[in-house]
C-alpha atoms as a PDB file:
ATOM      1  CA  MET A   1     140.090  82.552 153.314  1.00  0.00           C
ATOM      2  CA  SER A   2     138.864  80.556 151.105  1.00  0.00           C
ATOM      3  CA  MET A   3     137.496  77.308 153.085  1.00  0.00           C
ATOM      4  CA  ASN A   4     139.257  74.890 150.300  1.00  0.00           C
ATOM      5  CA  PHE A   5     142.420  76.054 151.345  1.00  0.00           C
ATOM      6  CA  ILE A   6     144.668  75.591 153.915  1.00  0.00           C
ATOM      7  CA  THR A   7     147.744  78.094 154.964  1.00  0.00           C
ATOM      8  CA  LEU A   8     151.032  76.556 154.549  1.00  0.00           C
ATOM      9  CA  ARG A   9     151.430  78.140 158.512  1.00  0.00           C
ATOM     10  CA  GLN A  10     148.904  74.895 158.956  1.00  0.00           C
ATOM     11  CA  ILE A  11     150.340  72.389 157.441  1.00  0.00           C
ATOM     12  CA  LEU A  12     154.153  72.950 158.506  1.00  0.00           C
ATOM     13  CA  ASP A  13     152.666  72.816 162.424  1.00  0.00           C
ATOM     14  CA  ASP A  14     150.888  69.547 161.992  1.00  0.00           C
ATOM     15  CA  PHE A  15     153.824  68.561 160.119  1.00  0.00           C
ATOM     16  CA  ILE A  16     156.079  68.771 162.939  1.00  0.00           C
ATOM     17  CA  LEU A  17     153.668  68.795 165.785  1.00  0.00           C
ATOM     18  CA  THR A  18     153.139  64.680 164.158  1.00  0.00           C
ATOM     19  CA  LEU A  19     156.818  64.068 163.625  1.00  0.00           C
ATOM     20  CA  ASP A  20     157.996  60.537 166.636  1.00  0.00           C
ATOM     21  CA  GLY A  21     160.815  60.917 167.830  1.00  0.00           C
ATOM     22  CA  ASP A  22     162.309  57.998 165.867  1.00  0.00           C
ATOM     23  CA  ASP A  23     160.872  59.073 163.079  1.00  0.00           C
ATOM     24  CA  TYR A  24     163.664  59.340 160.093  1.00  0.00           C
ATOM     25  CA  VAL A  25     163.338  62.961 160.034  1.00  0.00           C
ATOM     26  CA  SER A  26     162.794  63.593 163.452  1.00  0.00           C
ATOM     27  CA  THR A  27     165.787  65.644 163.551  1.00  0.00           C
ATOM     28  CA  ALA A  28     165.033  68.158 160.364  1.00  0.00           C
ATOM     29  CA  SER A  29     165.350  71.566 161.527  1.00  0.00           C
ATOM     30  CA  ASP A  30     162.671  74.100 161.257  1.00  0.00           C
ATOM     31  CA  VAL A  31     164.099  75.788 158.133  1.00  0.00           C
ATOM     32  CA  ALA A  32     164.716  72.777 156.280  1.00  0.00           C
ATOM     33  CA  ILE A  33     160.945  72.187 156.695  1.00  0.00           C
ATOM     34  CA  ARG A  34     160.108  74.744 154.804  1.00  0.00           C
ATOM     35  CA  ASN A  35     162.387  75.533 153.091  1.00  0.00           C
ATOM     36  CA  PHE A  36     160.695  72.286 151.049  1.00  0.00           C
ATOM     37  CA  ALA A  37     157.455  73.126 151.432  1.00  0.00           C
ATOM     38  CA  LEU A  38     158.499  76.720 150.135  1.00  0.00           C
ATOM     39  CA  ARG A  39     160.187  73.957 146.729  1.00  0.00           C
ATOM     40  CA  GLY A  40     156.749  71.602 147.009  1.00  0.00           C
ATOM     41  CA  ILE A  41     154.306  74.512 146.517  1.00  0.00           C
ATOM     42  CA  ARG A  42     156.075  75.419 143.561  1.00  0.00           C
ATOM     43  CA  GLU A  43     156.742  71.845 141.512  1.00  0.00           C
ATOM     44  CA  LEU A  44     152.407  71.057 142.601  1.00  0.00           C
ATOM     45  CA  GLY A  45     151.434  74.255 140.741  1.00  0.00           C
ATOM     46  CA  PHE A  46     153.313  74.082 138.238  1.00  0.00           C
ATOM     47  CA  ASP A  47     151.624  70.773 137.088  1.00  0.00           C
ATOM     48  CA  VAL A  48     148.741  70.011 139.622  1.00  0.00           C
ATOM     49  CA  THR A  49     147.097  73.403 141.363  1.00  0.00           C
ATOM     50  CA  SER A  50     147.795  76.471 139.151  1.00  0.00           C
ATOM     51  CA  LYS A  51     146.770  79.239 140.514  1.00  0.00           C
ATOM     52  CA  ILE A  52     145.472  81.558 137.459  1.00  0.00           C
ATOM     53  CA  LYS A  53     145.959  85.605 138.561  1.00  0.00           C
ATOM     54  CA  SER A  54     144.365  88.228 136.775  1.00  0.00           C
ATOM     55  CA  LEU A  55     145.522  91.450 136.606  1.00  0.00           C
ATOM     56  CA  LYS A  56     145.543  94.592 135.329  1.00  0.00           C
ATOM     57  CA  ARG A  57     148.815  96.290 133.568  1.00  0.00           C
ATOM     58  CA  THR A  58     150.201 100.015 132.668  1.00  0.00           C
ATOM     59  CA  VAL A  59     150.855  99.477 128.229  1.00  0.00           C
ATOM     60  CA  GLN A  60     154.768 102.261 128.225  1.00  0.00           C
ATOM     61  CA  SER A  61     155.497 104.305 126.256  1.00  0.00           C
ATOM     62  CA  ASN A  62     157.357 101.436 123.854  1.00  0.00           C
ATOM     63  CA  ASP A  63     154.595  99.608 124.055  1.00  0.00           C
ATOM     64  CA  THR A  64     155.442  97.634 126.347  1.00  0.00           C
ATOM     65  CA  VAL A  65     154.514  96.043 130.082  1.00  0.00           C
ATOM     66  CA  THR A  66     155.788  94.710 131.800  1.00  0.00           C
ATOM     67  CA  LEU A  67     155.502  91.018 133.723  1.00  0.00           C
ATOM     68  CA  PRO A  68     153.999  90.497 137.263  1.00  0.00           C
ATOM     69  CA  ASP A  69     156.994  89.920 139.739  1.00  0.00           C
ATOM     70  CA  ASP A  70     155.431  86.860 140.273  1.00  0.00           C
ATOM     71  CA  TYR A  71     154.588  85.547 136.912  1.00  0.00           C
ATOM     72  CA  VAL A  72     155.563  82.154 136.228  1.00  0.00           C
ATOM     73  CA  ASP A  73     153.961  81.120 131.955  1.00  0.00           C
ATOM     74  CA  LEU A  74     151.488  83.049 130.314  1.00  0.00           C
ATOM     75  CA  VAL A  75     147.662  81.986 129.841  1.00  0.00           C
ATOM     76  CA  LYS A  76     146.304  85.414 127.619  1.00  0.00           C
ATOM     77  CA  ILE A  77     146.823  88.343 127.568  1.00  0.00           C
ATOM     78  CA  GLY A  78     143.921  90.559 126.250  1.00  0.00           C
ATOM     79  CA  VAL A  79     141.676  94.034 126.391  1.00  0.00           C
ATOM     80  CA  VAL A  80     138.232  94.365 128.146  1.00  0.00           C
ATOM     81  CA  ASP A  81     135.854  95.929 126.231  1.00  0.00           C
ATOM     82  CA  SER A  82     132.513  97.312 128.189  1.00  0.00           C
ATOM     83  CA  ASP A  83     130.947  94.233 127.901  1.00  0.00           C
ATOM     84  CA  GLY A  84     133.308  93.023 130.817  1.00  0.00           C
ATOM     85  CA  LEU A  85     134.649  89.789 128.365  1.00  0.00           C
ATOM     86  CA  VAL A  86     138.380  89.808 127.245  1.00  0.00           C
ATOM     87  CA  TYR A  87     138.956  90.216 123.741  1.00  0.00           C
ATOM     88  CA  VAL A  88     142.629  88.310 123.292  1.00  0.00           C
ATOM     89  CA  LEU A  89     145.530  89.217 121.233  1.00  0.00           C
ATOM     90  CA  GLY A  90     147.497  87.401 118.881  1.00  0.00           C
ATOM     91  CA  GLN A  91     151.196  85.998 119.741  1.00  0.00           C
ATOM     92  CA  ASN A  92     153.317  86.704 116.745  1.00  0.00           C
ATOM     93  CA  LYS A  93     157.196  85.847 117.482  1.00  0.00           C
ATOM     94  CA  ASN A  94     157.734  87.889 114.464  1.00  0.00           C
ATOM     95  CA  LEU A  95     157.587  90.753 116.469  1.00  0.00           C
ATOM     96  CA  ASN A  96     161.310  92.797 117.431  1.00  0.00           C
ATOM     97  CA  TYR A  97     162.694  93.355 120.544  1.00  0.00           C
ATOM     98  CA  SER A  98     166.057  93.737 119.423  1.00  0.00           C
ATOM     99  CA  ARG A  99     168.641  95.030 121.592  1.00  0.00           C
ATOM    100  CA  GLN A 100     171.785  96.951 120.446  1.00  0.00           C
ATOM    101  CA  TYR A 101     175.567  97.431 121.394  1.00  0.00           C
ATOM    102  CA  THR A 102     176.620 100.783 123.434  1.00  0.00           C
ATOM    103  CA  ASP A 103     179.823 102.291 124.075  1.00  0.00           C
ATOM    104  CA  ALA A 104     182.522  99.381 124.771  1.00  0.00           C
ATOM    105  CA  GLU A 105     183.925 101.709 127.155  1.00  0.00           C
ATOM    106  CA  ASN A 106     180.422 102.769 129.543  1.00  0.00           C
ATOM    107  CA  THR A 107     180.685  98.553 130.378  1.00  0.00           C
ATOM    108  CA  THR A 108     179.665  98.380 134.194  1.00  0.00           C
ATOM    109  CA  VAL A 109     180.960  96.602 136.716  1.00  0.00           C
ATOM    110  CA  SER A 110     177.890  94.410 137.739  1.00  0.00           C
ATOM    111  CA  ASP A 111     177.423  93.547 133.911  1.00  0.00           C
ATOM    112  CA  ALA A 112     180.498  91.386 134.729  1.00  0.00           C
ATOM    113  CA  GLY A 113     179.907  87.139 135.163  1.00  0.00           C
ATOM    114  CA  PRO A 114     180.339  85.390 138.064  1.00  0.00           C
ATOM    115  CA  LEU A 115     183.703  84.386 137.180  1.00  0.00           C
ATOM    116  CA  ASN A 116     185.091  88.673 137.264  1.00  0.00           C
ATOM    117  CA  ILE A 117     187.532  87.878 134.679  1.00  0.00           C
ATOM    118  CA  ASP A 118     187.882  89.996 131.198  1.00  0.00           C
ATOM    119  CA  ASP A 119     185.947  86.963 128.623  1.00  0.00           C
ATOM    120  CA  ASN A 120     182.998  86.852 131.372  1.00  0.00           C
ATOM    121  CA  ILE A 121     182.409  90.803 130.587  1.00  0.00           C
ATOM    122  CA  VAL A 122     178.737  91.721 129.044  1.00  0.00           C
ATOM    123  CA  ILE A 123     178.479  95.053 126.696  1.00  0.00           C
ATOM    124  CA  ASP A 124     176.234  96.792 128.371  1.00  0.00           C
ATOM    125  CA  ARG A 125     173.113  97.165 125.383  1.00  0.00           C
ATOM    126  CA  GLU A 126     169.526  99.422 124.935  1.00  0.00           C
ATOM    127  CA  ASP A 127     166.947  98.906 122.931  1.00  0.00           C
ATOM    128  CA  SER A 128     167.384  99.186 119.298  1.00  0.00           C
ATOM    129  CA  LYS A 129     163.278  98.279 117.816  1.00  0.00           C
ATOM    130  CA  THR A 130     163.906  99.706 114.414  1.00  0.00           C
ATOM    131  CA  ALA A 131     164.522  98.502 110.931  1.00  0.00           C
ATOM    132  CA  THR A 132     167.861  97.297 110.066  1.00  0.00           C
ATOM    133  CA  GLY A 133     170.103  99.103 108.090  1.00  0.00           C
ATOM    134  CA  GLY A 134     170.856  98.180 104.560  1.00  0.00           C
ATOM    135  CA  ASN A 135     166.951  97.585 104.051  1.00  0.00           C
ATOM    136  CA  SER A 136     165.988  98.514 100.378  1.00  0.00           C
ATOM    137  CA  GLY A 137     162.452  98.892 101.168  1.00  0.00           C
ATOM    138  CA  ASN A 138     161.383  96.012  98.632  1.00  0.00           C
ATOM    139  CA  VAL A 139     160.661  93.339 101.027  1.00  0.00           C
ATOM    140  CA  ASP A 140     157.056  92.222  99.196  1.00  0.00           C
ATOM    141  CA  VAL A 141     154.973  91.533 102.318  1.00  0.00           C
ATOM    142  CA  VAL A 142     151.563  91.756 100.910  1.00  0.00           C
ATOM    143  CA  ASP A 143     150.199  90.969 104.753  1.00  0.00           C
ATOM    144  CA  GLY A 144     151.078  89.126 108.045  1.00  0.00           C
ATOM    145  CA  PHE A 145     151.913  86.219 107.253  1.00  0.00           C
ATOM    146  CA  ASP A 146     153.916  85.998 103.808  1.00  0.00           C
ATOM    147  CA  SER A 147     157.269  86.505 106.010  1.00  0.00           C
ATOM    148  CA  TYR A 148     156.493  83.237 106.795  1.00  0.00           C
ATOM    149  CA  ILE A 149     154.348  80.390 104.432  1.00  0.00           C
ATOM    150  CA  PHE A 150     153.839  80.683 100.822  1.00  0.00           C
ATOM    151  CA  ARG A 151     150.974  82.372  99.557  1.00  0.00           C
ATOM    152  CA  ASN A 152     149.688  79.731  98.613  1.00  0.00           C
ATOM    153  CA  TYR A 153     149.908  76.428  96.861  1.00  0.00           C
ATOM    154  CA  ILE A 154     151.423  76.913  93.580  1.00  0.00           C
ATOM    155  CA  TYR A 155     154.535  78.786  94.296  1.00  0.00           C
ATOM    156  CA  GLU A 156     153.973  83.547  93.574  1.00  0.00           C
ATOM    157  CA  ASN A 157     150.294  82.603  92.680  1.00  0.00           C
ATOM    158  CA  SER A 158     148.549  85.205  93.908  1.00  0.00           C
ATOM    159  CA  LEU A 159     144.715  83.673  94.013  1.00  0.00           C
ATOM    160  CA  GLY A 160     144.240  82.531  97.135  1.00  0.00           C
ATOM    161  CA  ARG A 161     145.639  81.405 100.479  1.00  0.00           C
ATOM    162  CA  LEU A 162     146.117  78.828 102.529  1.00  0.00           C
ATOM    163  CA  TYR A 163     142.389  77.276 103.928  1.00  0.00           C
ATOM    164  CA  GLY A 164     142.002  77.564 108.142  1.00  0.00           C
ATOM    165  CA  MET A 165     144.222  80.535 108.544  1.00  0.00           C
ATOM    166  CA  GLY A 166     142.812  83.903 109.158  1.00  0.00           C
ATOM    167  CA  GLY A 167     140.192  82.656 110.815  1.00  0.00           C
ATOM    168  CA  GLY A 168     138.705  84.150 114.536  1.00  0.00           C
ATOM    169  CA  GLN A 169     138.988  87.784 115.666  1.00  0.00           C
ATOM    170  CA  GLN A 170     142.359  89.691 117.398  1.00  0.00           C
ATOM    171  CA  GLU A 171     142.543  92.707 119.030  1.00  0.00           C
ATOM    172  CA  GLY A 172     146.274  92.755 118.354  1.00  0.00           C
ATOM    173  CA  ASP A 173     149.483  91.037 118.547  1.00  0.00           C
ATOM    174  CA  TYR A 174     152.042  90.777 121.679  1.00  0.00           C
ATOM    175  CA  ARG A 175     155.275  88.592 121.910  1.00  0.00           C
ATOM    176  CA  VAL A 176     156.554  87.315 125.630  1.00  0.00           C
ATOM    177  CA  ASN A 177     160.291  88.908 126.014  1.00  0.00           C
ATOM    178  CA  LEU A 178     161.612  87.562 129.190  1.00  0.00           C
ATOM    179  CA  ASP A 179     164.933  88.702 128.221  1.00  0.00           C
ATOM    180  CA  GLN A 180     163.516  92.366 129.437  1.00  0.00           C
ATOM    181  CA  ASN A 181     160.463  90.621 131.576  1.00  0.00           C
ATOM    182  CA  ARG A 182     158.392  92.178 129.725  1.00  0.00           C
ATOM    183  CA  ILE A 183     155.893  91.328 127.355  1.00  0.00           C
ATOM    184  CA  GLU A 184     156.358  93.133 123.355  1.00  0.00           C
ATOM    185  CA  LEU A 185     152.629  94.799 122.199  1.00  0.00           C
ATOM    186  CA  GLU A 186     151.141  95.917 118.723  1.00  0.00           C
ATOM    187  CA  VAL A 187     148.091  97.166 119.258  1.00  0.00           C
ATOM    188  CA  ASN A 188     146.065  99.946 118.185  1.00  0.00           C
ATOM    189  CA  SER A 189     147.009 103.894 120.048  1.00  0.00           C
ATOM    190  CA  GLY A 190     144.516 104.504 121.950  1.00  0.00           C
ATOM    191  CA  VAL A 191     145.072 101.082 124.373  1.00  0.00           C
ATOM    192  CA  THR A 192     146.543 102.440 127.284  1.00  0.00           C
ATOM    193  CA  GLU A 193     145.835  98.909 129.381  1.00  0.00           C
ATOM    194  CA  VAL A 194     146.044  95.364 129.251  1.00  0.00           C
ATOM    195  CA  VAL A 195     144.575  91.666 130.876  1.00  0.00           C
ATOM    196  CA  ILE A 196     147.479  89.596 131.454  1.00  0.00           C
ATOM    197  CA  GLU A 197     145.565  86.397 132.494  1.00  0.00           C
ATOM    198  CA  TYR A 198     149.514  84.423 134.396  1.00  0.00           C
ATOM    199  CA  VAL A 199     150.253  80.875 136.158  1.00  0.00           C
ATOM    200  CA  ALA A 200     151.000  82.743 139.765  1.00  0.00           C
ATOM    201  CA  ASP A 201     154.477  82.142 141.417  1.00  0.00           C
ATOM    202  CA  GLU A 202     152.360  80.979 144.957  1.00  0.00           C
ATOM    203  CA  ALA A 203     155.722  80.239 146.779  1.00  0.00           C
ATOM    204  CA  ARG A 204     156.637  83.813 147.044  1.00  0.00           C
ATOM    205  CA  SER A 205     152.901  84.611 148.431  1.00  0.00           C
ATOM    206  CA  THR A 206     153.054  86.668 152.018  1.00  0.00           C
ATOM    207  CA  ASN A 207     150.906  83.660 153.044  1.00  0.00           C
ATOM    208  CA  PRO A 208     151.017  80.811 151.137  1.00  0.00           C
ATOM    209  CA  MET A 209     148.150  79.054 150.124  1.00  0.00           C
ATOM    210  CA  VAL A 210     147.360  75.062 149.286  1.00  0.00           C
ATOM    211  CA  HIS A 211     144.493  73.766 148.226  1.00  0.00           C
ATOM    212  CA  VAL A 212     142.984  71.232 150.521  1.00  0.00           C
ATOM    213  CA  TYR A 213     142.996  68.710 147.520  1.00  0.00           C
ATOM    214  CA  ALA A 214     146.587  68.825 147.333  1.00  0.00           C
ATOM    215  CA  GLU A 215     147.652  69.067 150.965  1.00  0.00           C
ATOM    216  CA  GLU A 216     148.395  65.365 151.572  1.00  0.00           C
ATOM    217  CA  ALA A 217     150.932  65.617 148.091  1.00  0.00           C
ATOM    218  CA  LEU A 218     152.715  68.267 149.821  1.00  0.00           C
ATOM    219  CA  ARG A 219     153.478  66.451 152.831  1.00  0.00           C
ATOM    220  CA  ALA A 220     154.360  63.500 151.375  1.00  0.00           C
ATOM    221  CA  TYR A 221     157.060  65.662 149.618  1.00  0.00           C
ATOM    222  CA  ILE A 222     158.581  67.732 151.997  1.00  0.00           C
ATOM    223  CA  TYR A 223     158.522  64.138 153.329  1.00  0.00           C
ATOM    224  CA  TYR A 224     160.294  62.397 150.772  1.00  0.00           C
ATOM    225  CA  LYS A 225     162.845  65.543 149.712  1.00  0.00           C
ATOM    226  CA  LEU A 226     163.739  65.283 153.625  1.00  0.00           C
ATOM    227  CA  CYS A 227     164.721  61.300 153.230  1.00  0.00           C
ATOM    228  CA  GLU A 228     166.252  61.885 150.107  1.00  0.00           C
ATOM    229  CA  ARG A 229     169.186  63.654 151.196  1.00  0.00           C
ATOM    230  CA  LYS A 230     169.373  62.020 154.618  1.00  0.00           C
ATOM    231  CA  SER A 231     172.814  59.090 154.074  1.00  0.00           C
ATOM    232  CA  SER A 232     170.953  56.964 157.068  1.00  0.00           C
ATOM    233  CA  VAL A 233     167.663  56.487 155.830  1.00  0.00           C
ATOM    234  CA  PRO A 234     167.277  53.131 154.179  1.00  0.00           C
ATOM    235  CA  ALA A 235     167.085  53.434 150.526  1.00  0.00           C
ATOM    236  CA  ASN A 236     163.861  51.340 150.813  1.00  0.00           C
ATOM    237  CA  GLU A 237     162.149  54.002 153.011  1.00  0.00           C
ATOM    238  CA  LYS A 238     163.534  56.296 150.249  1.00  0.00           C
ATOM    239  CA  ALA A 239     162.276  54.155 147.538  1.00  0.00           C
ATOM    240  CA  ARG A 240     158.657  54.133 149.517  1.00  0.00           C
ATOM    241  CA  ALA A 241     158.071  57.937 150.065  1.00  0.00           C
ATOM    242  CA  ARG A 242     159.355  58.786 146.527  1.00  0.00           C
ATOM    243  CA  ALA A 243     156.378  56.226 145.612  1.00  0.00           C
ATOM    244  CA  GLU A 244     154.547  57.860 147.838  1.00  0.00           C
ATOM    245  CA  TYR A 245     155.046  61.318 146.715  1.00  0.00           C
ATOM    246  CA  TYR A 246     153.725  60.889 143.138  1.00  0.00           C
ATOM    247  CA  ASN A 247     150.525  58.591 143.948  1.00  0.00           C
ATOM    248  CA  GLU A 248     149.485  61.598 146.513  1.00  0.00           C
ATOM    249  CA  ARG A 249     150.244  63.744 143.557  1.00  0.00           C
ATOM    250  CA  ARG A 250     148.705  61.817 141.133  1.00  0.00           C
ATOM    251  CA  LYS A 251     145.435  61.567 142.901  1.00  0.00           C
ATOM    252  CA  ALA A 252     145.165  65.632 143.482  1.00  0.00           C
ATOM    253  CA  LYS A 253     145.488  65.675 139.971  1.00  0.00           C
ATOM    254  CA  ALA A 254     142.761  63.626 139.857  1.00  0.00           C
ATOM    255  CA  ARG A 255     140.695  65.606 142.055  1.00  0.00           C
ATOM    256  CA  LEU A 256     141.556  68.836 140.233  1.00  0.00           C
ATOM    257  CA  SER A 257     140.582  68.541 137.049  1.00  0.00           C
ATOM    258  CA  ASN A 258     136.614  69.314 136.254  1.00  0.00           C
ATOM    259  CA  PHE A 259     136.962  68.390 132.871  1.00  0.00           C
ATOM    260  CA  SER A 260     133.088  66.783 132.766  1.00  0.00           C
ATOM    261  CA  LYS A 261     131.736  64.989 129.879  1.00  0.00           C
ATOM    262  CA  GLU A 262     129.485  68.312 129.471  1.00  0.00           C
ATOM    263  CA  GLU A 263     132.420  70.283 129.406  1.00  0.00           C
ATOM    264  CA  ALA A 264     133.529  67.984 126.274  1.00  0.00           C
ATOM    265  CA  LEU A 265     130.710  67.968 124.467  1.00  0.00           C
ATOM    266  CA  ARG A 266     130.272  71.602 124.866  1.00  0.00           C
ATOM    267  CA  THR A 267     134.230  72.140 123.271  1.00  0.00           C
ATOM    268  CA  ILE A 268     132.936  69.387 120.546  1.00  0.00           C
ATOM    269  CA  ARG A 269     130.084  71.450 119.522  1.00  0.00           C
ATOM    270  CA  LYS A 270     131.432  74.887 119.211  1.00  0.00           C
ATOM    271  CA  ASN A 271     131.891  76.006 115.301  1.00  0.00           C
ATOM    272  CA  TYR A 272     134.680  76.679 114.112  1.00  0.00           C
ATOM    273  CA  LYS A 273     135.963  79.475 112.232  1.00  0.00           C
ATOM    274  CA  GLN A 274     137.697  79.293 109.011  1.00  0.00           C
ATOM    275  CA  SER A 275     138.574  81.673 106.440  1.00  0.00           C
ATOM    276  CA  PRO A 276     136.469  80.620 102.920  1.00  0.00           C
ATOM    277  CA  LYS A 277     138.098  78.407 100.078  1.00  0.00           C
ATOM    278  CA  TYR A 278     138.734  80.143  97.209  1.00  0.00           C
END
């Protein structure tokens, strides 16, 4: 285990051991404390202590990859060349991942809503990413951008394009499909694996860990949430606990932010890749 991380078990043991008999939350159960601790890890992980994981996934026959089980948000997806660099795919929100209804008679009971009534039954669906019916094939698509922007500043002019569009190189396109828990891909047929970098849900880990910079923020979160739901705790103590948590959260975020002056200069000095203006 890395020395700059502390396990959740250690934090919980320390939190329980330091409770005095006259504390407002001294009667809280171990289950409640652990529950709020896991919520705190998830809350801090979204904005303060995001854990970025990199996972290699196999491309399925339908040009998709399944999202990891602890997936929260995507950072990047791409292919790795022999030079060890990740060549990213570009997001394309025009990739089709539509579905269609199957035979209504095959609707299963498991597709009913929380209230078992006819209005809540959802008809079974299946993938249907083919072209829509009635398409004459006369859709004028010159390049990938013409489906959602004008060709030029002068309508229907065939000279030039929008300045700055199309710069750089991409190895393919992707679109996140949360409905089916996967990523849709449009890549070369030779691509069999992709690398996904994503924000992970640390609360789902077997042994959750917290960065030492955020340790006090998590303790403050546990205490604040335990106080918040107890009617016997005075309002001023609840307000103090809330302010303490947000103060510790702010300090943790500032400590974990490693954006330095040198990094700012490197970012400013980067070359911009833009298409030529005709």
